[in-house]
Amino acid sequence: RDGIAHGSSTEKRPAEARRIQANSGSQLRKPLCSLLPASMPSPSLRLAVVGAGAAGLAAARELRREGHAPVVFERAAAVGGTWLYASPAPAAAADPLGAAATHSSLYASLRTNLPREVMGFLDFPFTAARGSVVDARRFPGHQEVLRYLEDFTQRFDLYGLVRFQTEVVGVRREAGGRWAVTSRKLGEKGEQDEELYDAVVVCNGHYSEPRVASIPGADAWPGKQMHSHNYRVPEPFLDQVSMILTMISSPHMSCRAKLS
C-alpha cells in the first residue's frame, strides 16, 4: 500500500511495486493446474459404464479423454437412454401398471420443459444451428433431443465404445478391489459373460421402473388402470371419462394421491 516491503528496510519504488502486483495478478489468472507441480500420469483403467443415455455418453467421453478404457453397456439397440422413444411392449396390456419391459417414459407429444440452451454440454451446445436440426423450437420435442445425443455420439466417436443390446445382470466387488460385471446379449438364452473392471459407473437412470402407490380399494376398480410410464398417445381414451391420480412424495412425507 505504501510502497514499503514490510519486514525489510528496502524501499520499493512505486513503479516496481505496481509491476510486482501486476505479476501477482497474472499468476492468479492462470489455471489452477498450471500453478501446481506436475504429477505423474494416472494409470489407464478399464471401466464399465452402464447405460448409453446422456450421462453414460458424457462419462464415457470424459473417461477416455483422461486416458482410460471405458466399455459402455446398453440394452437398447441405440443410444439415447430415456430419450429413446418406444411403444409399450405387448406385455403392457397384461400389466398396465408395471414397467412392461419398456425402458422410457416418453409419450409421443412430449416436449422439453427446459430451454435447449441449458440442456447441452459445454463444448457441444444444443443449438438450433446444427446441421441435423429438424425442430428448431426453443422447447423442442423429444425427437430433437435424441438427434442431439446421436450427433454428440458421432462427433466424439463414441459408438465404438458401446455394446448394444447387452444387459448388465450383476455387479460384484472382488476381494482385490476390482469389479466383476456379468452381462448377457439380449436374445441369447443362458449365455452370460463375466469380466473384471477397475470401476463401474452406473448411468441407467431412474425413470425405467414406475412407482406404484398402494391405494386401498384400487383392486376393486372395475375400469382400466394404467401407469403414466406406459402412456404414449391419447387416442385410446377418446370419448372416455378418465381420472388421473398424481402421486406426490418426498423424503419427509408419504405418498399422497391428488385427483386431476
Protein backbone atom coordinates (compact mmCIF):
# COMPACT_ATOMS: atom_id res chain seq x y z
CA ARG A 1 0.00 0.00 0.00
CA ASP A 2 2.81 2.46 0.92
CA GLY A 3 5.48 1.06 -1.42
CA ILE A 4 7.48 -0.35 1.52
CA ALA A 5 8.32 -4.04 1.77
CA HIS A 6 7.17 -4.77 5.30
CA GLY A 7 9.73 -6.57 7.41
CA SER A 8 12.58 -5.07 5.33
CA SER A 9 14.30 -1.71 5.24
CA THR A 10 14.46 -1.78 1.45
CA GLU A 11 12.15 0.79 -0.13
CA LYS A 12 10.31 -0.21 -3.30
CA ARG A 13 9.77 2.40 -5.97
CA PRO A 14 6.04 2.83 -6.89
CA ALA A 15 6.58 1.62 -10.47
CA GLU A 16 8.35 -1.51 -9.23
CA ALA A 17 5.60 -2.13 -6.70
CA ARG A 18 2.98 -1.87 -9.44
CA ARG A 19 4.98 -4.32 -11.57
CA ILE A 20 5.09 -6.83 -8.70
CA GLN A 21 1.32 -6.51 -8.21
CA ALA A 22 0.70 -6.98 -11.93
CA ASN A 23 2.84 -10.11 -12.00
CA SER A 24 0.98 -11.49 -8.97
CA GLY A 25 -2.34 -10.84 -10.70
CA SER A 26 -1.24 -12.69 -13.82
CA GLN A 27 -0.34 -15.70 -11.69
CA LEU A 28 -3.81 -15.70 -10.16
CA ARG A 29 -5.41 -15.57 -13.59
CA LYS A 30 -3.62 -18.75 -14.69
CA PRO A 31 -5.49 -22.07 -14.45
CA LEU A 32 -5.04 -23.68 -11.08
CA CYS A 33 -3.47 -26.77 -12.67
CA SER A 34 -0.65 -24.62 -14.13
CA LEU A 35 0.28 -23.39 -10.65
CA LEU A 36 0.59 -26.88 -9.22
CA PRO A 37 3.63 -29.12 -9.63
CA ALA A 38 3.39 -31.62 -12.45
CA SER A 39 2.19 -35.01 -11.28
CA MET A 40 2.74 -38.46 -12.66
CA PRO A 41 0.03 -39.51 -15.14
CA SER A 42 -2.60 -41.80 -13.67
CA PRO A 43 -2.62 -45.39 -14.93
CA SER A 44 -5.13 -46.30 -17.60
CA LEU A 45 -8.09 -48.10 -16.05
CA ARG A 46 -10.62 -50.47 -17.58
CA LEU A 47 -14.02 -49.07 -16.68
CA ALA A 48 -17.60 -50.24 -17.19
CA VAL A 49 -20.32 -47.69 -17.90
CA VAL A 50 -23.89 -48.93 -17.56
CA GLY A 51 -26.21 -47.06 -19.90
CA ALA A 52 -25.74 -45.06 -23.12
CA GLY A 53 -28.00 -42.15 -22.31
CA ALA A 54 -26.84 -38.57 -21.79
CA ALA A 55 -24.98 -39.37 -18.54
CA GLY A 56 -23.36 -42.55 -19.83
CA LEU A 57 -22.18 -40.94 -23.06
CA ALA A 58 -20.71 -37.94 -21.25
CA ALA A 59 -19.00 -40.22 -18.73
CA ALA A 60 -17.51 -42.40 -21.47
CA ARG A 61 -16.17 -39.41 -23.34
CA GLU A 62 -14.54 -37.84 -20.29
CA LEU A 63 -13.05 -41.13 -19.10
CA ARG A 64 -11.50 -41.75 -22.49
CA ARG A 65 -10.13 -38.21 -22.58
CA GLU A 66 -8.38 -38.98 -19.29
CA GLY A 67 -6.68 -41.94 -20.92
CA HIS A 68 -8.90 -44.72 -19.59
CA ALA A 69 -10.61 -47.54 -21.49
CA PRO A 70 -14.39 -47.38 -20.92
CA VAL A 71 -16.85 -50.02 -22.11
CA VAL A 72 -20.49 -48.90 -22.31
CA PHE A 73 -23.25 -51.45 -21.82
CA GLU A 74 -26.60 -50.55 -23.41
CA ARG A 75 -29.52 -52.94 -23.52
CA ALA A 76 -31.32 -50.99 -26.25
CA ALA A 77 -30.26 -51.06 -29.90
CA ALA A 78 -29.40 -47.35 -29.98
CA VAL A 79 -28.07 -44.54 -27.82
CA GLY A 80 -30.38 -42.09 -26.07
CA GLY A 81 -31.48 -43.72 -22.84
CA THR A 82 -34.73 -42.19 -21.63
CA TRP A 83 -34.89 -40.09 -24.82
CA LEU A 84 -35.21 -43.20 -26.96
CA TYR A 85 -38.94 -43.37 -27.71
CA ALA A 86 -40.55 -46.79 -27.84
CA SER A 87 -44.11 -48.01 -27.99
CA PRO A 88 -45.22 -50.03 -24.96
CA ALA A 89 -44.29 -53.67 -25.12
CA PRO A 90 -47.12 -56.15 -25.75
CA ALA A 91 -46.88 -57.16 -22.09
CA ALA A 92 -48.20 -53.71 -21.15
CA ALA A 93 -51.74 -54.87 -21.89
CA ALA A 94 -51.41 -57.60 -19.27
CA ASP A 95 -49.54 -55.39 -16.78
CA PRO A 96 -50.58 -51.75 -17.43
CA LEU A 97 -49.24 -50.60 -14.07
CA GLY A 98 -45.80 -52.18 -14.46
CA ALA A 99 -42.73 -51.38 -16.47
CA ALA A 100 -43.71 -53.99 -19.06
CA ALA A 101 -40.15 -54.16 -20.42
CA THR A 102 -40.45 -50.59 -21.75
CA HIS A 103 -37.46 -48.51 -20.67
CA SER A 104 -38.58 -44.97 -21.49
CA SER A 105 -41.50 -42.99 -20.10
CA LEU A 106 -41.69 -40.72 -23.16
CA TYR A 107 -45.08 -40.09 -24.72
CA ALA A 108 -45.46 -39.14 -28.37
CA SER A 109 -46.18 -35.41 -27.97
CA LEU A 110 -43.65 -34.72 -25.20
CA ARG A 111 -41.59 -31.54 -25.42
CA THR A 112 -38.76 -30.41 -23.16
CA ASN A 113 -39.69 -28.30 -20.13
CA LEU A 114 -36.29 -26.60 -20.24
CA PRO A 115 -34.95 -24.31 -22.98
CA ARG A 116 -32.45 -26.03 -25.21
CA GLU A 117 -29.72 -23.56 -24.23
CA VAL A 118 -29.38 -25.11 -20.76
CA MET A 119 -29.62 -28.75 -21.87
CA GLY A 120 -26.43 -29.08 -23.91
CA PHE A 121 -22.87 -29.97 -22.98
CA LEU A 122 -20.47 -27.07 -22.53
CA ASP A 123 -18.34 -27.73 -25.63
CA PHE A 124 -21.17 -29.15 -27.74
CA PRO A 125 -24.12 -26.76 -27.32
CA PHE A 126 -27.67 -27.83 -28.09
CA THR A 127 -28.27 -25.02 -30.56
CA ALA A 128 -30.76 -24.70 -33.39
CA ALA A 129 -27.89 -24.03 -35.82
CA ARG A 130 -26.65 -27.62 -36.04
CA GLY A 131 -26.90 -29.18 -39.48
CA SER A 132 -29.14 -32.04 -38.33
CA VAL A 133 -31.73 -29.80 -36.66
CA VAL A 134 -35.31 -30.56 -37.62
CA ASP A 135 -37.15 -29.00 -34.68
CA ALA A 136 -35.63 -25.53 -34.06
CA ARG A 137 -38.06 -24.56 -31.30
CA ARG A 138 -36.55 -23.37 -28.04
CA PHE A 139 -38.53 -26.09 -26.24
CA PRO A 140 -38.22 -28.88 -28.84
CA GLY A 141 -39.88 -32.26 -28.97
CA HIS A 142 -38.16 -35.36 -27.63
CA GLN A 143 -37.06 -36.41 -31.12
CA GLU A 144 -34.77 -33.39 -31.31
CA VAL A 145 -33.09 -34.27 -28.01
CA LEU A 146 -32.41 -37.77 -29.33
CA ARG A 147 -30.92 -36.32 -32.53
CA TYR A 148 -28.65 -34.14 -30.38
CA LEU A 149 -27.40 -37.15 -28.40
CA GLU A 150 -26.82 -39.07 -31.64
CA ASP A 151 -24.85 -36.12 -33.02
CA PHE A 152 -22.81 -35.98 -29.80
CA THR A 153 -22.03 -39.69 -30.06
CA GLN A 154 -21.00 -39.33 -33.70
CA ARG A 155 -18.97 -36.15 -33.16
CA PHE A 156 -16.81 -37.66 -30.42
CA ASP A 157 -16.62 -41.15 -31.94
CA LEU A 158 -18.30 -42.95 -29.05
CA TYR A 159 -20.24 -45.60 -30.99
CA GLY A 160 -17.24 -47.91 -30.92
CA LEU A 161 -17.32 -47.95 -27.12
CA VAL A 162 -20.93 -49.14 -26.84
CA ARG A 163 -22.09 -52.75 -26.66
CA PHE A 164 -25.66 -52.51 -27.85
CA GLN A 165 -28.43 -54.92 -26.83
CA THR A 166 -26.29 -56.01 -23.90
CA GLU A 167 -27.81 -56.03 -20.43
CA VAL A 168 -25.86 -55.92 -17.18
CA VAL A 169 -27.41 -58.51 -14.87
CA GLY A 170 -24.96 -58.34 -11.97
CA VAL A 171 -22.07 -56.41 -10.44
CA ARG A 172 -19.90 -57.87 -7.69
CA ARG A 173 -16.93 -56.45 -5.77
CA GLU A 174 -13.96 -58.79 -5.80
CA ALA A 175 -11.53 -59.32 -2.91
CA GLY A 176 -8.79 -57.44 -4.74
CA GLY A 177 -10.95 -54.34 -5.13
CA ARG A 178 -11.91 -54.84 -8.78
CA TRP A 179 -15.47 -55.33 -10.01
CA ALA A 180 -16.89 -58.40 -11.71
CA VAL A 181 -19.56 -57.35 -14.22
CA THR A 182 -21.93 -60.01 -15.54
CA SER A 183 -23.76 -59.22 -18.77
CA ARG A 184 -25.78 -61.01 -21.39
CA LYS A 185 -26.57 -60.36 -25.01
CA LEU A 186 -30.31 -59.97 -25.44
CA GLY A 187 -31.84 -62.81 -27.40
CA GLU A 188 -29.18 -65.31 -26.36
CA LYS A 189 -30.72 -67.53 -23.69
CA GLY A 190 -28.46 -68.70 -20.91
CA GLU A 191 -25.36 -67.01 -22.34
CA GLN A 192 -23.68 -64.72 -19.81
CA ASP A 193 -20.25 -63.13 -19.75
CA GLU A 194 -18.31 -62.07 -16.68
CA GLU A 195 -15.47 -59.54 -16.96
CA LEU A 196 -13.31 -57.67 -14.47
CA TYR A 197 -13.19 -53.86 -14.36
CA ASP A 198 -11.35 -51.38 -12.18
CA ALA A 199 -14.52 -49.36 -11.57
CA VAL A 200 -18.17 -49.19 -12.60
CA VAL A 201 -20.14 -46.06 -13.50
CA VAL A 202 -23.90 -46.62 -13.19
CA CYS A 203 -25.84 -44.39 -15.61
CA ASN A 204 -29.06 -46.35 -16.11
CA GLY A 205 -31.33 -43.53 -14.95
CA HIS A 206 -34.29 -43.68 -12.60
CA TYR A 207 -37.27 -43.47 -14.94
CA SER A 208 -37.40 -47.05 -16.19
CA GLU A 209 -39.35 -48.54 -13.28
CA PRO A 210 -42.65 -46.87 -12.35
CA ARG A 211 -43.50 -46.26 -8.72
CA VAL A 212 -46.96 -47.63 -7.99
CA ALA A 213 -48.62 -46.41 -4.82
CA SER A 214 -50.65 -48.69 -2.61
CA ILE A 215 -54.21 -47.31 -2.71
CA PRO A 216 -56.86 -49.12 -0.66
CA GLY A 217 -59.68 -50.37 -2.88
CA ALA A 218 -57.73 -49.97 -6.15
CA ASP A 219 -58.09 -53.68 -6.87
CA ALA A 220 -61.87 -53.33 -6.83
CA TRP A 221 -61.88 -50.61 -9.51
CA PRO A 222 -63.85 -52.04 -12.47
CA GLY A 223 -62.28 -49.84 -15.13
CA LYS A 224 -58.86 -49.82 -16.75
CA GLN A 225 -55.84 -48.82 -14.69
CA MET A 226 -52.67 -47.59 -16.32
CA HIS A 227 -49.41 -46.05 -15.14
CA SER A 228 -48.20 -42.93 -16.95
CA HIS A 229 -44.98 -44.81 -17.74
CA ASN A 230 -46.96 -46.76 -20.36
CA TYR A 231 -48.90 -43.79 -21.77
CA ARG A 232 -47.98 -42.86 -25.35
CA VAL A 233 -50.92 -41.39 -27.32
CA PRO A 234 -54.38 -40.07 -26.34
CA GLU A 235 -56.49 -41.85 -28.99
CA PRO A 236 -57.29 -44.93 -26.85
CA PHE A 237 -59.01 -42.61 -24.34
CA LEU A 238 -61.23 -40.83 -26.86
CA ASP A 239 -64.79 -40.27 -25.51
CA GLN A 240 -63.84 -41.86 -22.19
CA VAL A 241 -64.10 -40.33 -18.73
CA SER A 242 -60.66 -40.55 -17.19
CA MET A 243 -59.43 -39.92 -13.67
CA ILE A 244 -55.77 -39.00 -13.16
CA LEU A 245 -54.05 -39.69 -9.85
CA THR A 246 -50.86 -37.69 -9.32
CA MET A 247 -48.64 -39.21 -6.65
CA ILE A 248 -46.71 -36.67 -4.59
CA SER A 249 -43.85 -37.86 -2.42
CA SER A 250 -40.75 -36.53 -0.73
CA PRO A 251 -38.26 -37.78 1.86
CA HIS A 252 -40.36 -36.09 4.54
CA MET A 253 -43.83 -37.29 3.57
CA SER A 254 -45.52 -40.45 2.48
CA CYS A 255 -47.10 -40.87 -0.95
CA ARG A 256 -50.31 -38.90 -1.40
CA ALA A 257 -52.83 -39.08 -4.21
CA LYS A 258 -54.07 -35.99 -5.97
CA LEU A 259 -57.06 -36.06 -8.30
CA SER A 260 -56.78 -34.18 -11.59
